[in-house]
Amino acid sequence: VVVPGCRHLWKVACCDVAELRQDEGKFRKACGEACARTLKCGHDCQGTCSRCNFEGVETLDDGSKHVKCSKPCGKSFLCGHWCE
């Protein structure tokens, strides 16, 4: 089945297809496809499709939403402090 909105393929039991099609919002919130888009910080997004679309707090230039990066930045500021 193709998830509405994100267009990811999702395997579901035949008996669940009718129920999911009746509640499209529930269907989209269940997409567990890994995001892996590159964030502005340079790291890959660690969220899933549904987490990014419904809980995303960082927005890329294309308007897509993503969960906040949890990896250490590792860059240094001009003042000598390190980004965390």
C-alpha atoms as a PDB file:
ATOM      1  CA  VAL A   1       0.000   0.000   0.000  1.00  0.00           C
ATOM      2  CA  VAL A   2       1.251   3.501  -0.761  1.00  0.00           C
ATOM      3  CA  VAL A   3       1.061   5.880   2.213  1.00  0.00           C
ATOM      4  CA  PRO A   4      -0.869   9.071   1.327  1.00  0.00           C
ATOM      5  CA  GLY A   5       1.225  12.232   1.424  1.00  0.00           C
ATOM      6  CA  CYS A   6       4.716  10.757   1.638  1.00  0.00           C
ATOM      7  CA  ARG A   7       4.169   8.077  -1.038  1.00  0.00           C
ATOM      8  CA  HIS A   8       6.290   5.457   0.790  1.00  0.00           C
ATOM      9  CA  LEU A   9       5.410   1.814   0.266  1.00  0.00           C
ATOM     10  CA  TRP A  10       4.173   0.080   3.376  1.00  0.00           C
ATOM     11  CA  LYS A  11       3.389  -3.583   3.895  1.00  0.00           C
ATOM     12  CA  VAL A  12       0.167  -4.178   5.829  1.00  0.00           C
ATOM     13  CA  ALA A  13      -2.078  -7.153   6.306  1.00  0.00           C
ATOM     14  CA  CYS A  14      -4.911  -7.282   3.769  1.00  0.00           C
ATOM     15  CA  CYS A  15      -7.480  -7.147   6.579  1.00  0.00           C
ATOM     16  CA  ASP A  16      -6.062  -3.755   7.754  1.00  0.00           C
ATOM     17  CA  VAL A  17      -6.091  -1.944   4.404  1.00  0.00           C
ATOM     18  CA  ALA A  18      -9.755  -0.865   4.490  1.00  0.00           C
ATOM     19  CA  GLU A  19      -9.449   0.502   8.044  1.00  0.00           C
ATOM     20  CA  LEU A  20      -6.293   2.468   7.228  1.00  0.00           C
ATOM     21  CA  ARG A  21      -7.830   3.961   4.083  1.00  0.00           C
ATOM     22  CA  GLN A  22     -10.787   5.219   6.150  1.00  0.00           C
ATOM     23  CA  ASP A  23      -8.473   7.048   8.547  1.00  0.00           C
ATOM     24  CA  GLU A  24      -5.795   8.639   6.340  1.00  0.00           C
ATOM     25  CA  GLY A  25      -4.285  10.656   9.220  1.00  0.00           C
ATOM     26  CA  LYS A  26      -3.678   7.498  11.258  1.00  0.00           C
ATOM     27  CA  PHE A  27      -2.185   5.875   8.176  1.00  0.00           C
ATOM     28  CA  ARG A  28       0.287   8.742   7.586  1.00  0.00           C
ATOM     29  CA  LYS A  29       1.289   8.844  11.269  1.00  0.00           C
ATOM     30  CA  ALA A  30       2.261   5.180  11.081  1.00  0.00           C
ATOM     31  CA  CYS A  31       4.863   5.503   8.297  1.00  0.00           C
ATOM     32  CA  GLY A  32       8.110   4.243   9.797  1.00  0.00           C
ATOM     33  CA  GLU A  33      10.324   4.805   6.758  1.00  0.00           C
ATOM     34  CA  ALA A  34      13.695   6.261   7.796  1.00  0.00           C
ATOM     35  CA  CYS A  35      14.082   9.905   6.810  1.00  0.00           C
ATOM     36  CA  ALA A  36      17.871  10.206   6.342  1.00  0.00           C
ATOM     37  CA  ARG A  37      17.621  13.648   4.659  1.00  0.00           C
ATOM     38  CA  THR A  38      20.665  15.850   5.176  1.00  0.00           C
ATOM     39  CA  LEU A  39      19.942  18.594   7.724  1.00  0.00           C
ATOM     40  CA  LYS A  40      21.388  22.124   7.708  1.00  0.00           C
ATOM     41  CA  CYS A  41      23.995  21.001  10.261  1.00  0.00           C
ATOM     42  CA  GLY A  42      25.299  18.416   7.775  1.00  0.00           C
ATOM     43  CA  HIS A  43      24.104  15.334   9.685  1.00  0.00           C
ATOM     44  CA  ASP A  44      21.528  12.887   8.360  1.00  0.00           C
ATOM     45  CA  CYS A  45      18.094  13.195   9.949  1.00  0.00           C
ATOM     46  CA  GLN A  46      17.534  10.430  12.506  1.00  0.00           C
ATOM     47  CA  GLY A  47      13.734  10.658  12.382  1.00  0.00           C
ATOM     48  CA  THR A  48      11.155   8.564  10.608  1.00  0.00           C
ATOM     49  CA  CYS A  49       8.806   9.876   7.958  1.00  0.00           C
ATOM     50  CA  SER A  50       5.907  10.194  10.409  1.00  0.00           C
ATOM     51  CA  ARG A  51       7.991  11.764  13.204  1.00  0.00           C
ATOM     52  CA  CYS A  52       9.408  14.366  10.834  1.00  0.00           C
ATOM     53  CA  ASN A  53       6.038  15.228   9.288  1.00  0.00           C
ATOM     54  CA  PHE A  54       4.123  15.435  12.568  1.00  0.00           C
ATOM     55  CA  GLU A  55       6.765  16.390  15.169  1.00  0.00           C
ATOM     56  CA  GLY A  56       9.357  18.166  13.028  1.00  0.00           C
ATOM     57  CA  VAL A  57      10.835  21.377  14.444  1.00  0.00           C
ATOM     58  CA  GLU A  58      13.584  22.083  11.894  1.00  0.00           C
ATOM     59  CA  THR A  59      12.611  23.212   8.393  1.00  0.00           C
ATOM     60  CA  LEU A  60      14.833  22.789   5.344  1.00  0.00           C
ATOM     61  CA  ASP A  61      14.901  25.212   2.411  1.00  0.00           C
ATOM     62  CA  ASP A  62      12.416  23.011   0.504  1.00  0.00           C
ATOM     63  CA  GLY A  63       9.875  23.402   3.343  1.00  0.00           C
ATOM     64  CA  SER A  64      10.193  19.832   4.632  1.00  0.00           C
ATOM     65  CA  LYS A  65      10.068  19.415   8.416  1.00  0.00           C
ATOM     66  CA  HIS A  66      12.466  17.248  10.419  1.00  0.00           C
ATOM     67  CA  VAL A  67      13.176  16.248  13.998  1.00  0.00           C
ATOM     68  CA  LYS A  68      15.917  18.170  15.773  1.00  0.00           C
ATOM     69  CA  CYS A  69      19.428  16.792  15.295  1.00  0.00           C
ATOM     70  CA  SER A  70      20.736  15.066  18.400  1.00  0.00           C
ATOM     71  CA  LYS A  71      24.309  14.502  17.224  1.00  0.00           C
ATOM     72  CA  PRO A  72      27.137  16.654  18.600  1.00  0.00           C
ATOM     73  CA  CYS A  73      28.066  19.426  16.200  1.00  0.00           C
ATOM     74  CA  GLY A  74      31.827  19.245  16.670  1.00  0.00           C
ATOM     75  CA  LYS A  75      32.504  22.680  15.172  1.00  0.00           C
ATOM     76  CA  SER A  76      34.350  25.469  16.938  1.00  0.00           C
ATOM     77  CA  PHE A  77      33.262  29.100  17.166  1.00  0.00           C
ATOM     78  CA  LEU A  78      35.610  32.049  16.543  1.00  0.00           C
ATOM     79  CA  CYS A  79      35.704  32.585  20.314  1.00  0.00           C
ATOM     80  CA  GLY A  80      37.208  29.119  20.804  1.00  0.00           C
ATOM     81  CA  HIS A  81      34.122  27.468  22.322  1.00  0.00           C
ATOM     82  CA  TRP A  82      32.850  24.243  20.807  1.00  0.00           C
ATOM     83  CA  CYS A  83      29.347  23.797  19.441  1.00  0.00           C
ATOM     84  CA  GLU A  84      27.458  21.065  21.288  1.00  0.00           C
END
